Amino acid sequence: MITKELIDEINALARKQRSAGLTDEEKIRQNQLRKIYLAGFRENMKNILDRVEIVDELPKNKPS
């Protein structure tokens, strides 16, 4: 699940990476957090798409 805390930690590591660099442990943690974020994003997107319903289909043969 994507939480504000998860995003805050990802952003903090990204800022540190740009400014001072990350330790090996921080790089591992950053990778773990990214995987968690992507899994949550994919799950949310799948749930959204599962609820999509086509209401009005286009006609198959348009008159000329």
N, C-alpha and C. Protein backbone atom coordinates (compact mmCIF):
# COMPACT_ATOMS: atom_id res chain seq x y z
N MET A 1 0.84 -1.17 0.00
CA MET A 1 0.00 0.00 0.00
C MET A 1 0.89 1.24 0.00
N ILE A 2 0.50 2.20 -0.79
CA ILE A 2 1.25 3.44 -0.88
C ILE A 2 0.75 4.38 0.21
N THR A 3 1.65 4.74 1.10
CA THR A 3 1.30 5.66 2.19
C THR A 3 2.16 6.92 2.07
N LYS A 4 1.75 7.94 2.78
CA LYS A 4 2.52 9.18 2.80
C LYS A 4 3.92 8.93 3.36
N GLU A 5 4.03 8.07 4.36
CA GLU A 5 5.31 7.76 4.97
C GLU A 5 6.24 7.08 3.96
N LEU A 6 5.67 6.17 3.16
CA LEU A 6 6.46 5.48 2.14
C LEU A 6 7.01 6.49 1.13
N ILE A 7 6.16 7.37 0.65
CA ILE A 7 6.58 8.38 -0.32
C ILE A 7 7.60 9.34 0.29
N ASP A 8 7.39 9.72 1.55
CA ASP A 8 8.34 10.61 2.23
C ASP A 8 9.71 9.97 2.34
N GLU A 9 9.76 8.68 2.67
CA GLU A 9 11.04 7.99 2.79
C GLU A 9 11.72 7.85 1.43
N ILE A 10 10.95 7.54 0.40
CA ILE A 10 11.51 7.45 -0.96
C ILE A 10 12.09 8.80 -1.36
N ASN A 11 11.35 9.87 -1.12
CA ASN A 11 11.82 11.21 -1.48
C ASN A 11 13.05 11.62 -0.68
N ALA A 12 13.09 11.27 0.60
CA ALA A 12 14.25 11.61 1.43
C ALA A 12 15.51 10.91 0.90
N LEU A 13 15.36 9.64 0.53
CA LEU A 13 16.51 8.92 -0.02
C LEU A 13 16.92 9.48 -1.38
N ALA A 14 15.96 9.89 -2.18
CA ALA A 14 16.28 10.47 -3.49
C ALA A 14 17.03 11.79 -3.32
N ARG A 15 16.59 12.62 -2.37
CA ARG A 15 17.29 13.89 -2.11
C ARG A 15 18.71 13.63 -1.63
N LYS A 16 18.86 12.66 -0.72
CA LYS A 16 20.19 12.35 -0.20
C LYS A 16 21.08 11.80 -1.31
N GLN A 17 20.50 11.00 -2.19
CA GLN A 17 21.28 10.43 -3.29
C GLN A 17 21.84 11.54 -4.18
N ARG A 18 21.02 12.55 -4.45
CA ARG A 18 21.47 13.66 -5.30
C ARG A 18 22.51 14.53 -4.59
N SER A 19 22.39 14.69 -3.28
CA SER A 19 23.28 15.62 -2.58
C SER A 19 24.57 14.96 -2.10
N ALA A 20 24.47 13.88 -1.35
CA ALA A 20 25.66 13.31 -0.72
C ALA A 20 25.94 11.88 -1.15
N GLY A 21 24.99 11.24 -1.79
CA GLY A 21 25.18 9.83 -2.14
C GLY A 21 24.63 8.93 -1.05
N LEU A 22 24.42 7.68 -1.40
CA LEU A 22 23.82 6.72 -0.47
C LEU A 22 24.81 5.64 -0.09
N THR A 23 24.65 5.14 1.12
CA THR A 23 25.43 3.97 1.54
C THR A 23 24.83 2.73 0.87
N ASP A 24 25.52 1.63 0.96
CA ASP A 24 25.01 0.38 0.36
C ASP A 24 23.67 -0.01 1.00
N GLU A 25 23.55 0.16 2.32
CA GLU A 25 22.30 -0.18 3.01
C GLU A 25 21.16 0.73 2.54
N GLU A 26 21.46 2.00 2.34
CA GLU A 26 20.44 2.94 1.88
C GLU A 26 20.02 2.62 0.44
N LYS A 27 20.96 2.20 -0.39
CA LYS A 27 20.62 1.82 -1.76
C LYS A 27 19.69 0.60 -1.77
N ILE A 28 19.98 -0.35 -0.89
CA ILE A 28 19.12 -1.54 -0.78
C ILE A 28 17.73 -1.13 -0.32
N ARG A 29 17.65 -0.26 0.70
CA ARG A 29 16.36 0.21 1.21
C ARG A 29 15.60 0.98 0.14
N GLN A 30 16.30 1.82 -0.63
CA GLN A 30 15.67 2.59 -1.70
C GLN A 30 15.07 1.64 -2.74
N ASN A 31 15.79 0.60 -3.09
CA ASN A 31 15.30 -0.38 -4.05
C ASN A 31 14.07 -1.11 -3.51
N GLN A 32 14.10 -1.48 -2.22
CA GLN A 32 12.94 -2.14 -1.60
C GLN A 32 11.72 -1.23 -1.63
N LEU A 33 11.91 0.04 -1.29
CA LEU A 33 10.81 0.99 -1.25
C LEU A 33 10.22 1.21 -2.65
N ARG A 34 11.08 1.27 -3.64
CA ARG A 34 10.61 1.44 -5.02
C ARG A 34 9.76 0.24 -5.45
N LYS A 35 10.21 -0.95 -5.08
CA LYS A 35 9.44 -2.17 -5.42
C LYS A 35 8.07 -2.15 -4.75
N ILE A 36 8.03 -1.75 -3.48
CA ILE A 36 6.77 -1.66 -2.75
C ILE A 36 5.86 -0.63 -3.41
N TYR A 37 6.43 0.52 -3.78
CA TYR A 37 5.66 1.57 -4.41
C TYR A 37 5.08 1.09 -5.74
N LEU A 38 5.91 0.47 -6.57
CA LEU A 38 5.46 0.00 -7.88
C LEU A 38 4.39 -1.09 -7.75
N ALA A 39 4.55 -1.97 -6.78
CA ALA A 39 3.53 -3.01 -6.57
C ALA A 39 2.21 -2.37 -6.17
N GLY A 40 2.25 -1.38 -5.30
CA GLY A 40 1.04 -0.68 -4.89
C GLY A 40 0.41 0.08 -6.04
N PHE A 41 1.25 0.72 -6.85
CA PHE A 41 0.75 1.45 -8.01
C PHE A 41 0.05 0.51 -8.98
N ARG A 42 0.69 -0.62 -9.26
CA ARG A 42 0.10 -1.59 -10.18
C ARG A 42 -1.22 -2.14 -9.65
N GLU A 43 -1.26 -2.40 -8.36
CA GLU A 43 -2.49 -2.91 -7.75
C GLU A 43 -3.62 -1.88 -7.86
N ASN A 44 -3.29 -0.62 -7.56
CA ASN A 44 -4.30 0.44 -7.68
C ASN A 44 -4.79 0.58 -9.11
N MET A 45 -3.87 0.56 -10.06
CA MET A 45 -4.25 0.70 -11.47
C MET A 45 -5.11 -0.47 -11.92
N LYS A 46 -4.77 -1.68 -11.49
CA LYS A 46 -5.56 -2.86 -11.84
C LYS A 46 -6.98 -2.73 -11.27
N ASN A 47 -7.10 -2.27 -10.04
CA ASN A 47 -8.42 -2.08 -9.43
C ASN A 47 -9.23 -1.04 -10.20
N ILE A 48 -8.58 0.02 -10.63
CA ILE A 48 -9.29 1.04 -11.41
C ILE A 48 -9.76 0.45 -12.74
N LEU A 49 -8.88 -0.26 -13.42
CA LEU A 49 -9.24 -0.82 -14.72
C LEU A 49 -10.29 -1.92 -14.60
N ASP A 50 -10.27 -2.65 -13.49
CA ASP A 50 -11.29 -3.68 -13.29
C ASP A 50 -12.69 -3.08 -13.15
N ARG A 51 -12.77 -1.84 -12.71
CA ARG A 51 -14.06 -1.19 -12.54
C ARG A 51 -14.53 -0.43 -13.77
N VAL A 52 -13.68 -0.33 -14.78
CA VAL A 52 -14.06 0.38 -16.00
C VAL A 52 -15.11 -0.43 -16.74
N GLU A 53 -16.14 0.26 -17.17
CA GLU A 53 -17.22 -0.39 -17.90
C GLU A 53 -17.50 0.43 -19.16
N ILE A 54 -17.50 -0.25 -20.30
CA ILE A 54 -17.81 0.43 -21.55
C ILE A 54 -19.32 0.59 -21.61
N VAL A 55 -19.77 1.82 -21.75
CA VAL A 55 -21.20 2.11 -21.70
C VAL A 55 -21.78 2.21 -23.10
N ASP A 56 -21.05 2.82 -24.01
CA ASP A 56 -21.58 3.04 -25.36
C ASP A 56 -20.51 2.66 -26.37
N GLU A 57 -20.71 1.55 -27.02
CA GLU A 57 -19.74 1.12 -28.02
C GLU A 57 -19.97 1.85 -29.33
N LEU A 58 -18.90 2.04 -30.06
CA LEU A 58 -19.00 2.65 -31.38
C LEU A 58 -19.60 1.66 -32.36
N PRO A 59 -20.35 2.13 -33.33
CA PRO A 59 -20.88 1.21 -34.34
C PRO A 59 -19.75 0.58 -35.15
N LYS A 60 -19.91 -0.67 -35.53
CA LYS A 60 -18.86 -1.37 -36.25
C LYS A 60 -18.75 -0.89 -37.69
N ASN A 61 -19.84 -0.59 -38.35
CA ASN A 61 -19.82 -0.11 -39.74
C ASN A 61 -20.42 1.28 -39.78
N LYS A 62 -19.57 2.24 -40.09
CA LYS A 62 -20.05 3.62 -40.21
C LYS A 62 -20.60 3.81 -41.63
N PRO A 63 -21.72 4.48 -41.78
CA PRO A 63 -22.20 4.79 -43.13
C PRO A 63 -21.28 5.76 -43.83
N SER A 64 -21.12 5.61 -45.12
CA SER A 64 -20.22 6.47 -45.88
C SER A 64 -20.85 7.79 -46.23
